[in-house]
Protein backbone atom coordinates (compact mmCIF):
# COMPACT_ATOMS: atom_id res chain seq x y z
CA MET A 1 1.83 -18.60 16.73
CA LYS A 2 4.41 -15.86 16.95
CA ARG A 3 4.33 -13.36 19.79
CA PHE A 4 5.53 -9.80 20.11
CA PRO A 5 8.88 -9.53 21.95
CA LEU A 6 9.62 -7.70 25.20
CA VAL A 7 9.32 -3.94 24.93
CA THR A 8 10.07 -1.05 27.25
CA VAL A 9 7.48 1.12 28.93
CA ALA A 10 9.65 4.05 27.85
CA ARG A 11 9.26 3.11 24.21
CA TRP A 12 5.52 2.57 24.72
CA SER A 13 5.19 6.04 26.18
CA LEU A 14 7.05 7.57 23.27
CA VAL A 15 5.00 5.71 20.70
CA VAL A 16 1.70 6.63 22.32
CA LEU A 17 2.58 10.29 22.20
CA LEU A 18 4.02 10.13 18.70
CA LEU A 19 0.98 8.39 17.32
CA SER A 20 -1.37 10.80 19.03
CA LEU A 21 0.46 13.55 17.19
CA VAL A 22 -0.22 12.13 13.76
CA ALA A 23 -3.93 12.83 14.07
CA LEU A 24 -3.23 15.84 11.85
CA PRO A 25 -5.68 17.75 9.68
CA ALA A 26 -6.34 16.43 6.19
CA THR A 27 -3.36 16.59 3.86
CA GLY A 28 -5.09 19.39 2.05
CA ALA A 29 -3.37 22.04 4.22
CA PRO A 30 -0.05 22.69 2.47
CA LYS A 31 0.11 26.29 3.70
CA GLU A 32 1.30 25.00 7.12
CA ARG A 33 4.25 23.09 5.65
CA PRO A 34 7.60 24.40 4.48
CA ALA A 35 7.61 24.60 0.67
CA SER A 36 10.72 22.42 0.53
CA HIS A 37 8.74 19.55 2.03
CA ARG A 38 5.43 19.81 0.19
CA MET A 39 6.34 16.44 -1.31
CA LEU A 40 5.40 14.90 2.05
CA THR A 41 1.76 15.14 0.98
CA ARG A 42 2.67 12.85 -1.91
CA MET A 43 4.82 10.22 -0.18
CA SER A 44 3.86 7.39 2.11
CA THR A 45 2.45 8.73 5.36
CA SER A 46 4.83 6.55 7.38
CA VAL A 47 7.66 8.59 5.85
CA ALA A 48 6.06 11.94 6.75
CA THR A 49 5.30 10.85 10.32
CA ARG A 50 8.84 9.68 10.95
CA TYR A 51 10.34 12.75 9.33
CA TRP A 52 8.35 15.15 11.51
CA THR A 53 9.25 13.09 14.58
CA ALA A 54 12.96 13.40 13.83
CA ASN A 55 12.60 17.02 12.65
CA PRO A 56 9.87 18.62 14.82
CA GLU A 57 10.75 22.10 13.57
CA GLU A 58 9.46 21.04 10.14
CA ALA A 59 6.11 19.80 11.48
CA PRO A 60 2.93 21.89 11.21
CA SER A 61 3.49 24.83 13.57
CA HIS A 62 0.72 24.01 16.05
CA LEU A 63 2.23 20.54 16.70
CA GLN A 64 5.94 21.34 16.99
CA SER A 65 6.02 21.63 20.78
CA ARG A 66 4.29 18.29 21.19
CA PHE A 67 6.82 16.52 18.96
CA VAL A 68 9.64 17.99 21.05
CA ALA A 69 7.93 16.91 24.29
CA ALA A 70 7.83 13.30 23.10
CA HIS A 71 11.59 12.96 23.65
CA ASN A 72 11.23 14.07 27.28
CA VAL A 73 8.51 11.49 27.89
CA ALA A 74 10.79 8.72 26.64
CA ALA A 75 13.58 9.74 28.99
CA ALA A 76 11.25 9.77 32.00
CA GLY A 77 10.20 6.12 31.51
CA ALA A 78 13.54 4.62 30.55
CA GLY A 79 14.65 1.28 32.00
CA LYS A 80 11.28 -0.33 32.74
CA LEU A 81 10.51 -3.67 31.07
CA VAL A 82 7.19 -5.47 30.77
CA ALA A 83 6.58 -8.87 29.15
CA ALA A 84 3.62 -8.95 26.77
CA ASN A 85 2.00 -12.30 25.97
CA GLY A 86 -1.37 -13.36 24.60
CA ILE A 87 -3.58 -12.56 21.64
CA GLY A 88 -6.02 -9.70 21.32
CA ALA A 89 -9.77 -10.08 21.65
CA ALA A 90 -11.38 -12.03 18.81
CA ALA A 91 -13.11 -10.31 15.90
CA GLU A 92 -14.38 -11.89 12.69
CA ASN A 93 -11.85 -11.77 9.82
CA VAL A 94 -9.25 -9.86 11.87
CA PHE A 95 -5.80 -10.82 10.60
CA ASN A 96 -3.27 -9.93 13.29
CA PHE A 97 -2.29 -10.86 16.85
CA ASP A 98 -2.01 -7.26 18.02
CA ILE A 99 -2.40 -7.00 21.81
CA PHE A 100 -1.30 -3.36 22.00
CA GLY A 101 -4.20 -1.71 20.16
CA PHE A 102 -1.94 -0.24 17.45
CA PRO A 103 -3.12 0.52 13.88
CA GLN A 104 -2.55 -1.54 10.73
CA ASN A 105 -3.45 -0.30 7.25
CA GLU A 106 -2.57 -0.30 3.52
CA GLU A 107 -3.37 -3.97 2.91
CA ALA A 108 -1.96 -6.19 0.13
CA VAL A 109 -3.30 -9.75 -0.18
CA ASP A 110 -2.58 -12.84 -2.28
CA ALA A 111 -3.19 -16.61 -2.33
CA CYS A 112 -0.99 -19.29 -3.88
CA ARG A 113 -2.55 -20.67 -7.07
CA ASN A 114 -0.93 -24.07 -6.47
CA ASN A 115 -2.14 -24.37 -2.87
CA LEU A 116 -5.04 -22.11 -1.90
CA ASN A 117 -4.40 -22.87 1.77
CA TYR A 118 -1.52 -20.38 1.68
CA VAL A 119 -2.65 -16.76 2.02
CA ILE A 120 -0.52 -13.70 2.80
CA GLU A 121 -1.50 -10.16 3.75
CA GLY A 122 0.83 -7.18 4.12
CA THR A 123 0.32 -3.99 6.08
CA ASN A 124 1.79 -0.81 7.41
CA ASP A 125 2.03 -2.20 10.96
CA TYR A 126 2.38 0.52 13.58
CA ARG A 127 3.66 -2.03 16.09
CA GLY A 128 6.85 -1.44 14.13
CA LEU A 129 7.31 1.72 16.18
CA LEU A 130 8.12 -0.64 19.06
CA ASP A 131 10.76 -2.43 17.00
CA PRO A 132 14.32 -1.49 18.06
CA GLU A 133 15.43 -1.44 14.39
CA GLY A 134 12.45 0.61 13.25
CA ASN A 135 10.97 -1.97 10.82
CA PHE A 136 7.43 -1.09 9.82
CA THR A 137 6.19 -3.41 7.03
CA GLY A 138 4.01 -6.19 8.45
CA TRP A 139 3.38 -9.66 7.03
CA HIS A 140 0.51 -11.93 8.15
CA PHE A 141 0.40 -15.57 6.98
CA SER A 142 -2.39 -18.18 6.92
CA ALA A 143 -2.09 -21.90 6.12
CA ASP A 144 -5.84 -22.63 6.07
CA GLY A 145 -7.03 -20.45 3.21
CA GLY A 146 -7.33 -17.27 5.26
CA ALA A 147 -9.73 -18.71 7.83
CA SER A 148 -7.21 -18.00 10.59
CA LEU A 149 -3.81 -16.44 11.07
CA LEU A 150 -0.85 -18.77 11.66
CA SER A 151 2.10 -16.39 12.00
CA GLU A 152 3.10 -12.79 11.45
CA GLY A 153 5.99 -10.39 11.81
CA LEU A 154 7.83 -7.45 10.27
CA LEU A 155 10.02 -7.55 7.20
CA PRO A 156 13.65 -7.28 8.42
CA PRO A 157 16.18 -4.69 7.24
CA VAL A 158 18.08 -4.86 3.97
CA ILE A 159 21.86 -4.60 4.23
CA VAL A 160 23.69 -1.64 2.67
CA GLY A 161 27.41 -1.86 1.88
CA GLY A 162 27.98 -5.02 3.90
CA THR A 163 27.23 -3.66 7.38
CA ASP A 164 24.75 -0.76 7.30
CA GLU A 165 21.01 -1.50 7.33
CA ARG A 166 17.82 0.13 6.11
CA PRO A 167 14.73 -1.12 7.95
CA SER A 168 11.45 -1.85 6.18
CA GLY A 169 9.34 1.29 6.12
CA GLY A 170 5.87 0.54 4.78
CA ASP A 171 4.13 0.40 1.38
CA PRO A 172 3.62 -3.38 1.50
CA VAL A 173 3.19 -5.58 -1.56
CA PHE A 174 3.14 -9.41 -1.29
CA ARG A 175 2.76 -11.96 -4.08
CA PHE A 176 3.10 -15.72 -4.56
CA SER A 177 4.88 -17.03 -7.61
CA LYS A 178 2.43 -18.20 -10.26
CA THR A 179 4.48 -21.36 -10.91
CA ASN A 180 4.92 -22.47 -7.29
CA CYS A 181 4.26 -21.16 -3.80
CA ASN A 182 7.49 -19.22 -3.39
CA LEU A 183 6.54 -16.01 -1.65
CA PHE A 184 7.78 -12.48 -2.37
CA GLY A 185 7.37 -9.16 -0.58
CA SER A 186 8.47 -5.59 -1.13
CA SER A 187 8.79 -2.46 0.96
CA LEU A 188 10.24 0.99 1.14
CA ASN A 189 13.54 0.78 3.06
CA TYR A 190 14.99 3.94 4.61
CA ASP A 191 16.40 5.37 7.82
CA PRO A 192 13.32 6.20 9.92
CA PHE A 193 15.14 8.96 11.80
CA ASP A 194 16.66 10.68 8.77
CA PRO A 195 14.79 9.54 5.65
CA PHE A 196 15.97 12.44 3.45
CA GLY A 197 19.53 12.64 4.75
CA MET A 198 20.44 8.97 4.32
CA THR A 199 20.38 6.57 1.40
CA ASN A 200 17.21 4.58 0.71
CA GLY A 201 15.78 2.01 -1.68
CA ILE A 202 13.11 -0.48 -2.61
CA GLY A 203 13.58 -3.79 -0.77
CA ILE A 204 12.51 -7.07 -2.36
CA TYR A 205 12.18 -10.22 -0.22
CA ARG A 206 11.79 -13.96 -0.87
CA THR A 207 10.74 -16.88 1.33
CA THR A 208 8.58 -20.04 1.27
CA PRO A 209 5.53 -21.15 3.26
CA GLY A 210 7.67 -23.89 4.77
CA THR A 211 10.11 -21.29 6.08
CA LEU A 212 7.32 -19.20 7.62
CA MET A 213 5.94 -22.33 9.30
CA GLY A 214 9.37 -23.60 10.38
CA PRO A 215 10.73 -23.52 13.96
CA ALA A 216 13.40 -20.90 13.19
CA CYS A 217 10.92 -18.26 12.05
CA GLY A 218 10.00 -16.08 15.00
CA ASP A 219 12.82 -17.03 17.32
CA GLY A 220 14.76 -13.91 16.34
CA GLY A 221 12.05 -11.43 17.28
CA PHE A 222 9.18 -9.80 15.45
CA ALA A 223 11.44 -8.78 12.53
CA ASP A 224 13.19 -12.14 12.34
CA PRO A 225 15.58 -12.36 9.36
CA ASP A 226 15.16 -16.17 9.38
CA CYS A 227 11.58 -15.71 8.19
CA TRP A 228 12.71 -13.85 5.05
CA PRO A 229 16.23 -15.18 4.43
CA THR A 230 16.61 -13.81 0.87
CA ARG A 231 16.40 -10.05 0.54
CA ARG A 232 18.10 -7.30 -1.39
CA PHE A 233 17.50 -3.91 -2.91
CA ALA A 234 15.67 -4.07 -6.21
CA ALA A 235 16.65 -0.42 -6.57
CA PHE A 236 18.92 1.66 -4.34
CA SER A 237 19.43 5.42 -4.22
CA PRO A 238 22.98 6.30 -3.17
CA ASP A 239 22.01 9.98 -3.40
CA PRO A 240 19.78 11.11 -0.49
CA THR A 241 18.28 13.83 -2.70
CA HIS A 242 16.43 11.03 -4.50
CA PHE A 243 13.77 9.21 -2.48
CA PHE A 244 12.17 6.03 -3.87
CA ASP A 245 8.47 5.69 -3.10
CA LYS A 246 5.25 3.78 -3.87
CA GLU A 247 6.65 0.57 -5.33
CA TRP A 248 4.61 -2.26 -6.84
CA PHE A 249 5.73 -5.61 -8.23
CA ASP A 250 4.60 -8.83 -9.91
CA VAL A 251 6.05 -12.33 -10.26
CA GLY A 252 5.54 -14.44 -13.36
CA VAL A 253 6.90 -16.05 -16.51
CA SER A 254 8.00 -13.61 -19.21
CA GLY A 255 9.08 -15.33 -22.41
CA GLY A 256 12.67 -16.54 -22.59
CA ALA A 257 13.52 -14.75 -19.35
CA GLY A 258 11.53 -17.41 -17.48
CA ASN A 259 10.19 -16.75 -14.00
CA VAL A 260 11.09 -13.17 -13.03
CA VAL A 261 10.12 -10.34 -10.69
CA TRP A 262 9.27 -6.92 -12.14
CA VAL A 263 9.29 -3.92 -9.76
CA THR A 264 8.18 -0.35 -10.46
CA TYR A 265 8.49 2.73 -8.24
CA SER A 266 8.48 6.54 -8.13
CA ASP A 267 11.79 8.37 -7.90
CA PHE A 268 11.32 11.72 -6.16
CA ASP A 269 14.09 14.18 -6.96
CA LEU A 270 14.22 16.39 -3.87
CA ASP A 271 16.71 18.86 -5.27
CA PRO A 272 15.28 22.27 -4.28
CA THR A 273 16.43 23.87 -7.54
CA PRO A 274 13.92 22.41 -10.07
CA PRO A 275 11.80 25.15 -11.74
CA ASN A 276 8.61 24.45 -9.81
CA PRO A 277 7.21 25.78 -6.52
CA ALA A 278 7.05 22.34 -4.84
CA GLY A 279 10.81 21.75 -4.89
CA PHE A 280 10.58 18.24 -6.31
CA THR A 281 9.98 16.29 -9.49
CA ALA A 282 9.18 12.59 -9.92
CA GLU A 283 9.76 9.83 -12.46
CA ILE A 284 8.62 6.19 -12.78
CA PHE A 285 11.29 3.48 -13.10
CA ALA A 286 11.14 -0.30 -13.54
CA VAL A 287 13.56 -3.07 -12.54
CA ARG A 288 13.62 -6.78 -13.43
CA CYS A 289 15.07 -9.29 -10.95
CA ASP A 290 15.54 -13.02 -11.37
CA ALA A 291 13.26 -15.26 -9.32
CA MET A 292 16.08 -16.17 -6.90
CA LEU A 293 16.79 -12.45 -6.34
CA ALA A 294 20.43 -13.09 -7.22
CA GLY A 295 20.51 -10.11 -9.57
CA CYS A 296 18.47 -7.20 -10.89
CA THR A 297 18.77 -4.92 -13.90
CA ALA A 298 19.68 -1.29 -13.63
CA PRO A 299 16.63 0.99 -13.26
CA ILE A 300 14.79 1.43 -16.56
CA PRO A 301 13.19 4.88 -17.15
CA ILE A 302 9.46 4.54 -17.81
CA SER A 303 7.72 7.94 -17.55
CA VAL A 304 10.74 9.80 -19.07
CA ASP A 305 9.28 13.22 -19.95
CA ASP A 306 6.63 13.51 -17.22
CA VAL A 307 7.61 15.90 -14.42
CA ASP A 308 5.00 14.91 -11.82
CA VAL A 309 3.94 11.25 -11.55
CA GLN A 310 2.83 8.65 -9.01
CA PHE A 311 1.07 5.30 -8.52
CA SER A 312 2.82 2.94 -10.92
CA ASP A 313 1.43 -0.58 -11.33
CA VAL A 314 3.08 -3.53 -13.07
CA THR A 315 1.69 -6.85 -14.34
CA ILE A 316 3.40 -9.79 -15.99
CA GLY A 317 0.52 -10.82 -18.22
CA PRO A 318 -0.51 -14.39 -19.02
CA ASP A 319 0.94 -13.67 -22.49
CA GLY A 320 4.38 -12.98 -20.98
CA ARG A 321 4.33 -9.27 -21.81
CA VAL A 322 5.07 -6.76 -19.04
CA TYR A 323 2.53 -3.96 -18.61
CA VAL A 324 3.28 -0.79 -16.64
CA THR A 325 0.71 1.93 -15.94
CA TRP A 326 1.01 5.16 -13.98
CA ALA A 327 -0.61 8.55 -13.46
CA GLN A 328 0.90 11.76 -14.77
CA ILE A 329 -0.35 14.63 -12.61
CA GLU A 330 -0.91 18.04 -14.12
CA GLY A 331 -1.84 21.09 -12.09
CA GLU A 332 -0.46 20.04 -8.70
CA LEU A 333 2.89 21.80 -9.08
CA GLU A 334 1.27 24.80 -10.75
CA GLY A 335 -1.54 25.18 -8.20
CA THR A 336 -4.22 24.83 -10.89
CA PRO A 337 -7.07 22.26 -11.10
CA GLN A 338 -5.46 18.83 -11.23
CA ARG A 339 -5.76 16.35 -14.08
CA PHE A 340 -4.53 12.74 -13.91
CA ILE A 341 -3.41 11.35 -17.27
CA PHE A 342 -3.26 7.55 -17.13
CA LYS A 343 -0.46 6.11 -19.27
CA MET A 344 0.99 2.73 -20.18
CA ARG A 345 4.06 1.13 -21.69
CA VAL A 346 4.49 -2.54 -22.64
CA ALA A 347 7.56 -4.77 -22.99
CA GLU A 348 7.47 -7.89 -25.15
CA PRO A 349 7.92 -11.32 -23.48
CA GLY A 350 11.45 -11.73 -22.13
CA SER A 351 12.46 -8.17 -23.07
CA THR A 352 13.53 -5.27 -20.86
CA VAL A 353 12.87 -2.76 -23.65
CA PHE A 354 9.51 -1.01 -23.38
CA GLY A 355 7.45 0.22 -26.28
CA PRO A 356 6.22 3.78 -26.74
CA GLU A 357 4.19 5.63 -24.16
CA MET A 358 0.42 5.38 -24.68
CA VAL A 359 -2.24 7.60 -23.15
CA ILE A 360 -5.15 5.59 -21.76
CA PHE A 361 -7.44 8.29 -20.40
CA GLU A 362 -7.32 11.86 -19.13
CA GLU A 363 -9.24 12.12 -15.86
CA ARG A 364 -10.35 15.72 -15.34
CA SER A 365 -12.08 15.10 -11.99
CA PRO A 366 -9.54 13.07 -10.00
CA ILE A 367 -9.47 12.93 -6.24
CA PRO A 368 -6.65 15.47 -6.09
CA PHE A 369 -3.44 15.37 -4.11
CA GLY A 370 -3.97 17.65 -1.12
CA GLY A 371 -7.73 17.17 -1.41
CA PHE A 372 -10.21 15.12 0.59
CA LEU A 373 -13.59 13.44 0.46
CA HIS A 374 -16.42 15.73 1.47
CA ALA A 375 -17.21 13.77 4.66
CA ASN A 376 -13.79 12.30 5.61
CA ASP A 377 -10.38 13.69 6.50
CA PHE A 378 -8.05 10.81 5.67
CA ARG A 379 -5.48 11.05 2.88
CA VAL A 380 -6.91 9.93 -0.46
CA ALA A 381 -6.05 10.41 -4.14
CA THR A 382 -7.08 8.75 -7.41
CA TYR A 383 -5.03 5.54 -7.72
CA PRO A 384 -5.37 3.63 -11.03
CA LYS A 385 -4.83 -0.16 -11.00
CA HIS A 386 -4.76 -2.56 -13.94
CA GLU A 387 -5.06 -6.27 -14.71
CA VAL A 388 -4.45 -8.40 -17.83
CA LYS A 389 -6.61 -11.37 -18.81
CA MET A 390 -6.68 -13.68 -21.82
CA VAL A 391 -10.00 -13.28 -23.66
CA GLY A 392 -10.57 -15.24 -26.87
CA GLY A 393 -6.88 -16.13 -27.02
CA SER A 394 -5.67 -12.51 -26.81
CA PRO A 395 -4.70 -10.32 -23.83
CA ARG A 396 -7.33 -7.87 -22.63
CA ILE A 397 -6.01 -5.03 -20.46
CA TYR A 398 -8.33 -3.64 -17.77
CA LEU A 399 -7.91 -0.35 -15.93
CA THR A 400 -9.93 0.70 -12.88
CA TRP A 401 -9.79 3.94 -10.91
CA ASP A 402 -11.76 6.28 -8.67
CA ALA A 403 -12.78 9.81 -9.66
CA CYS A 404 -15.00 12.54 -8.25
CA GLY A 405 -18.52 13.30 -9.33
CA ARG A 406 -17.53 16.91 -8.72
CA VAL A 407 -14.46 18.67 -7.34
CA ILE A 408 -15.30 21.83 -5.38
CA PHE A 409 -12.71 24.59 -4.89
CA GLN A 410 -9.99 22.29 -6.32
CA SER A 411 -9.96 20.19 -3.12
CA VAL A 412 -13.37 18.86 -2.00
CA CYS A 413 -14.29 15.60 -3.75
CA GLU A 414 -18.00 14.79 -3.89
CA GLU A 415 -19.54 11.42 -4.77
CA PRO A 416 -16.49 9.64 -6.29
CA LYS A 417 -17.23 6.70 -8.58
CA ILE A 418 -15.34 3.56 -9.63
CA PHE A 419 -14.65 3.28 -13.37
CA LEU A 420 -13.52 0.43 -15.63
CA MET A 421 -12.07 0.44 -19.18
CA TRP A 422 -10.39 -2.23 -21.28
CA SER A 423 -8.29 -2.63 -24.40
CA ASP A 424 -7.99 -5.58 -26.81
CA ASP A 425 -5.24 -4.16 -29.00
CA GLY A 426 -2.35 -3.66 -26.59
CA GLY A 427 -3.51 -0.24 -25.43
CA ALA A 428 -3.88 1.43 -28.84
CA SER A 429 -7.62 1.94 -28.24
CA TRP A 430 -9.90 1.58 -25.23
CA SER A 431 -13.55 0.88 -24.53
CA PRO A 432 -15.77 3.68 -23.22
CA ARG A 433 -15.37 4.01 -19.47
CA LYS A 434 -17.99 2.13 -17.48
CA VAL A 435 -19.21 3.02 -13.98
CA ILE A 436 -19.24 -0.13 -11.84
CA SER A 437 -20.05 1.47 -8.49
CA GLN A 438 -23.45 2.69 -7.38
CA PHE A 439 -24.35 5.96 -5.64
CA GLY A 440 -22.47 7.61 -2.78
CA ASP A 441 -18.72 7.89 -2.23
CA ASN A 442 -16.51 5.09 -3.62
CA TYR A 443 -12.70 4.94 -3.53
CA PHE A 444 -9.56 2.72 -3.29
CA PRO A 445 -10.41 0.22 -6.07
CA ALA A 446 -8.41 -3.02 -6.39
CA ILE A 447 -8.71 -5.53 -9.24
CA SER A 448 -7.89 -9.22 -9.72
CA SER A 449 -8.44 -11.71 -12.56
CA ASP A 450 -9.60 -15.28 -11.94
CA PRO A 451 -7.12 -17.62 -13.69
CA THR A 452 -9.71 -20.42 -13.82
CA SER A 453 -12.61 -18.61 -15.54
CA ASN A 454 -13.59 -15.56 -17.60
CA ARG A 455 -14.35 -13.57 -14.46
CA LEU A 456 -12.58 -10.79 -12.60
CA VAL A 457 -13.35 -8.96 -9.38
CA VAL A 458 -13.02 -5.35 -8.26
CA ALA A 459 -13.25 -4.33 -4.58
CA TRP A 460 -13.26 -0.86 -3.01
CA PHE A 461 -14.30 1.20 -0.02
CA THR A 462 -17.76 2.78 -0.19
CA ASN A 463 -19.67 5.19 2.06
CA ARG A 464 -22.96 4.68 0.23
CA PHE A 465 -24.60 2.73 3.06
CA ASP A 466 -24.28 5.80 5.28
CA THR A 467 -27.14 7.52 3.48
CA MET A 468 -27.27 10.46 5.87
CA PHE A 469 -23.66 11.62 6.23
CA HIS A 470 -21.61 9.61 3.67
CA ASN A 471 -19.00 9.15 6.39
CA ARG A 472 -19.10 5.56 7.62
CA GLN A 473 -17.34 3.03 5.46
CA ASP A 474 -17.90 -0.43 3.99
CA VAL A 475 -16.10 -2.70 1.56
CA GLU A 476 -17.95 -3.60 -1.63
CA MET A 477 -16.95 -6.12 -4.31
CA VAL A 478 -18.31 -6.79 -7.78
CA THR A 479 -17.71 -9.89 -9.88
CA LEU A 480 -17.56 -9.14 -13.60
CA ARG A 481 -17.62 -11.11 -16.82
CA ALA A 482 -14.77 -10.40 -19.20
CA ASN A 483 -17.05 -7.97 -21.09
CA GLY A 484 -17.63 -5.87 -17.96
CA THR A 485 -21.11 -7.22 -17.18
CA ILE A 486 -21.66 -7.37 -13.42
CA LEU A 487 -22.47 -10.91 -12.25
CA ALA A 488 -22.66 -10.17 -8.53
CA ARG A 489 -22.40 -7.23 -6.16
CA GLN A 490 -21.57 -7.93 -2.52
CA ARG A 491 -21.34 -5.87 0.62
CA ILE A 492 -18.35 -7.46 2.36
CA THR A 493 -18.62 -5.61 5.69
CA LYS A 494 -21.48 -5.08 8.10
CA PRO A 495 -22.12 -2.97 10.14
CA SER A 496 -20.49 0.05 8.55
CA ASN A 497 -17.09 1.01 9.92
CA GLU A 498 -16.34 4.35 11.54
CA SER A 499 -12.99 5.09 9.91
CA GLU A 500 -12.17 7.84 12.43
CA ALA A 501 -12.53 5.66 15.54
CA ASP A 502 -8.89 4.61 16.00
CA PRO A 503 -7.55 6.28 19.18
CA LEU A 504 -4.10 6.91 17.68
CA LEU A 505 -4.60 7.77 14.01
CA GLY A 506 -8.12 9.13 14.28
CA GLY A 507 -9.28 10.16 10.82
CA PHE A 508 -5.78 10.98 9.53
CA PHE A 509 -4.78 7.84 7.61
CA ILE A 510 -6.27 4.50 6.53
CA GLY A 511 -3.60 3.65 3.95
CA ASP A 512 -3.45 4.50 0.27
CA TYR A 513 -4.93 1.23 -1.01
CA ILE A 514 -6.63 -2.07 -0.19
CA ASP A 515 -6.34 -5.30 -2.20
CA VAL A 516 -8.22 -8.30 -3.58
CA ALA A 517 -7.27 -11.70 -5.03
CA VAL A 518 -9.49 -14.31 -6.68
CA ASN A 519 -9.09 -17.94 -7.71
CA GLY A 520 -12.05 -20.13 -8.70
CA GLN A 521 -14.81 -19.97 -6.12
CA THR A 522 -12.84 -17.96 -3.57
CA ALA A 523 -11.97 -14.30 -3.31
CA TRP A 524 -9.81 -12.76 -0.58
CA VAL A 525 -10.37 -9.09 0.26
CA GLY A 526 -7.77 -7.31 2.39
CA TYR A 527 -8.93 -4.13 4.14
CA ASN A 528 -8.82 -2.28 7.47
CA ALA A 529 -11.57 -1.39 9.90
CA ASN A 530 -12.09 -0.48 13.56
CA TYR A 531 -14.34 -3.34 14.66
CA ARG A 532 -12.12 -5.01 17.27
CA ARG A 533 -12.03 -3.54 20.75
CA GLU A 534 -8.68 -3.55 22.55
CA ARG A 535 -7.18 -1.77 25.52
CA LEU A 536 -4.60 0.72 24.30
CA LEU A 537 -1.25 -0.51 25.65
CA PHE A 538 -3.15 -2.36 28.41
CA GLU A 539 -4.60 0.92 29.77
CA GLY A 540 -8.19 2.05 30.08
CA VAL A 541 -11.11 0.08 28.63
CA PRO A 542 -11.31 -1.86 25.34
CA ILE A 543 -12.08 0.57 22.53
CA PRO A 544 -12.35 0.21 18.73
CA GLN A 545 -8.98 0.26 16.97
CA GLN A 546 -7.76 0.05 13.38
CA ASP A 547 -6.90 -3.53 12.31
CA ASN A 548 -6.17 -5.36 9.08
CA TYR A 549 -8.78 -7.91 7.97
CA VAL A 550 -9.09 -10.63 5.34
CA ALA A 551 -12.60 -11.55 4.17
CA VAL A 552 -12.88 -14.91 2.38
CA VAL A 553 -15.94 -14.87 0.12
CA ASP A 554 -17.52 -16.68 -2.82
CA PRO A 555 -17.28 -14.28 -5.80
CA THR A 556 -20.58 -15.57 -7.24
CA PRO A 557 -22.86 -16.33 -4.29
């Protein structure tokens, strides 16, 4: 079991204050932010938090003095060292060794098809604020099918120009190869102190279970490069006015190209001169890397003519084709009611040339950027995810997403539902959308196809068990036949979680997504909750704190 390294009381003091500052109002308050940085409501929250820390004058006005004061607190405690050993108090399904009481969120989870003992979960791990290099993307590895955690750490930096480094900065994605148990991870990589003044990119990492279980992994600290010896930029922005965000990737066999890694991401152009009031535009790009990460293609434009986009997803289908979906956002830059137009492009097996853009569905009641659920304050927006499954010898494409029952005053989302659609003709036509959630508020859907049967699973957060206030949160999962018929519906968590209970983040952020994987009679659901009680930096009494969890369940109980 890997332990957290020595840290300074000075750094602890700084982190405590910094994290207390991020308990900001919901992201639906753009009037308090400089227009040139409205894009911070769209990017990963780890980026916004670090930017405001390094640039307190750009923070919301009522918090600027507190960000400045954080630097004075650090100076007052400098030079004091404390050794931290041991594992935090036990809690069912908790998937970290955090002894500090720091948050973890934005879970990605996968299991190796060739050895279901190997399970990986990724997180935004706020213990990274203790890391001297500023790494922030956490990995958590199990060798017994997810029943317990064996080792964990932070993804190390990626080298720039031979000597310079960009630490991992959140937005975790982790996947096992479908042909073996080689393990891949991805992350945003940027300078945490100057994210928009320095170069940045999308880091892609490769390792093996044997490496993570080997004696060298962990000896070099929490962000040990020996744990992830192969790493590079899948895409790199040499121009700081372009910031790469919200990556996703998949590993699989694509025709004559063999086993490859496909990565997609959003490229935010931060040039203040574009003809829109937000001061940014965005475009989706894709990159293909070989399975050894020895080389990657140049970025391939995907969204092309769309000005405002986010949330790309990529799948190497069982047919070898490469499927990319994303959301075009209309209305956000104009200040009018938002619409999310879900789109897709497909590349033939082995090819890096994508076919024409296809519109899947126009969602007129999305959870809008800058909006919020009617009973919660955390950041949330409609995030479409897709999956591809062979049905009757042909690929069937599934799309799932969350959308509001009603949007009030362009910002308040009431009673969001989870939807599902599918296509049997490569995206040319789609089934009618089907509601797979029940009543109440439902959001953050994740989808996975069982490679051993005709089933698939979809998991999401729901507030429907809090019948009075619609505030407390659970995880729900449905198992579906290929035709969308629900075989089973399971409540994964109990009792309901109070998402605002974390002492550092409060109700500000729980991540932008959760994840699910399924294989045969086992499904793994990665999520966060505040069930475990821990003393905050060894002070006070044990209190609920935000942790990452993995629930291991039978998809058809």
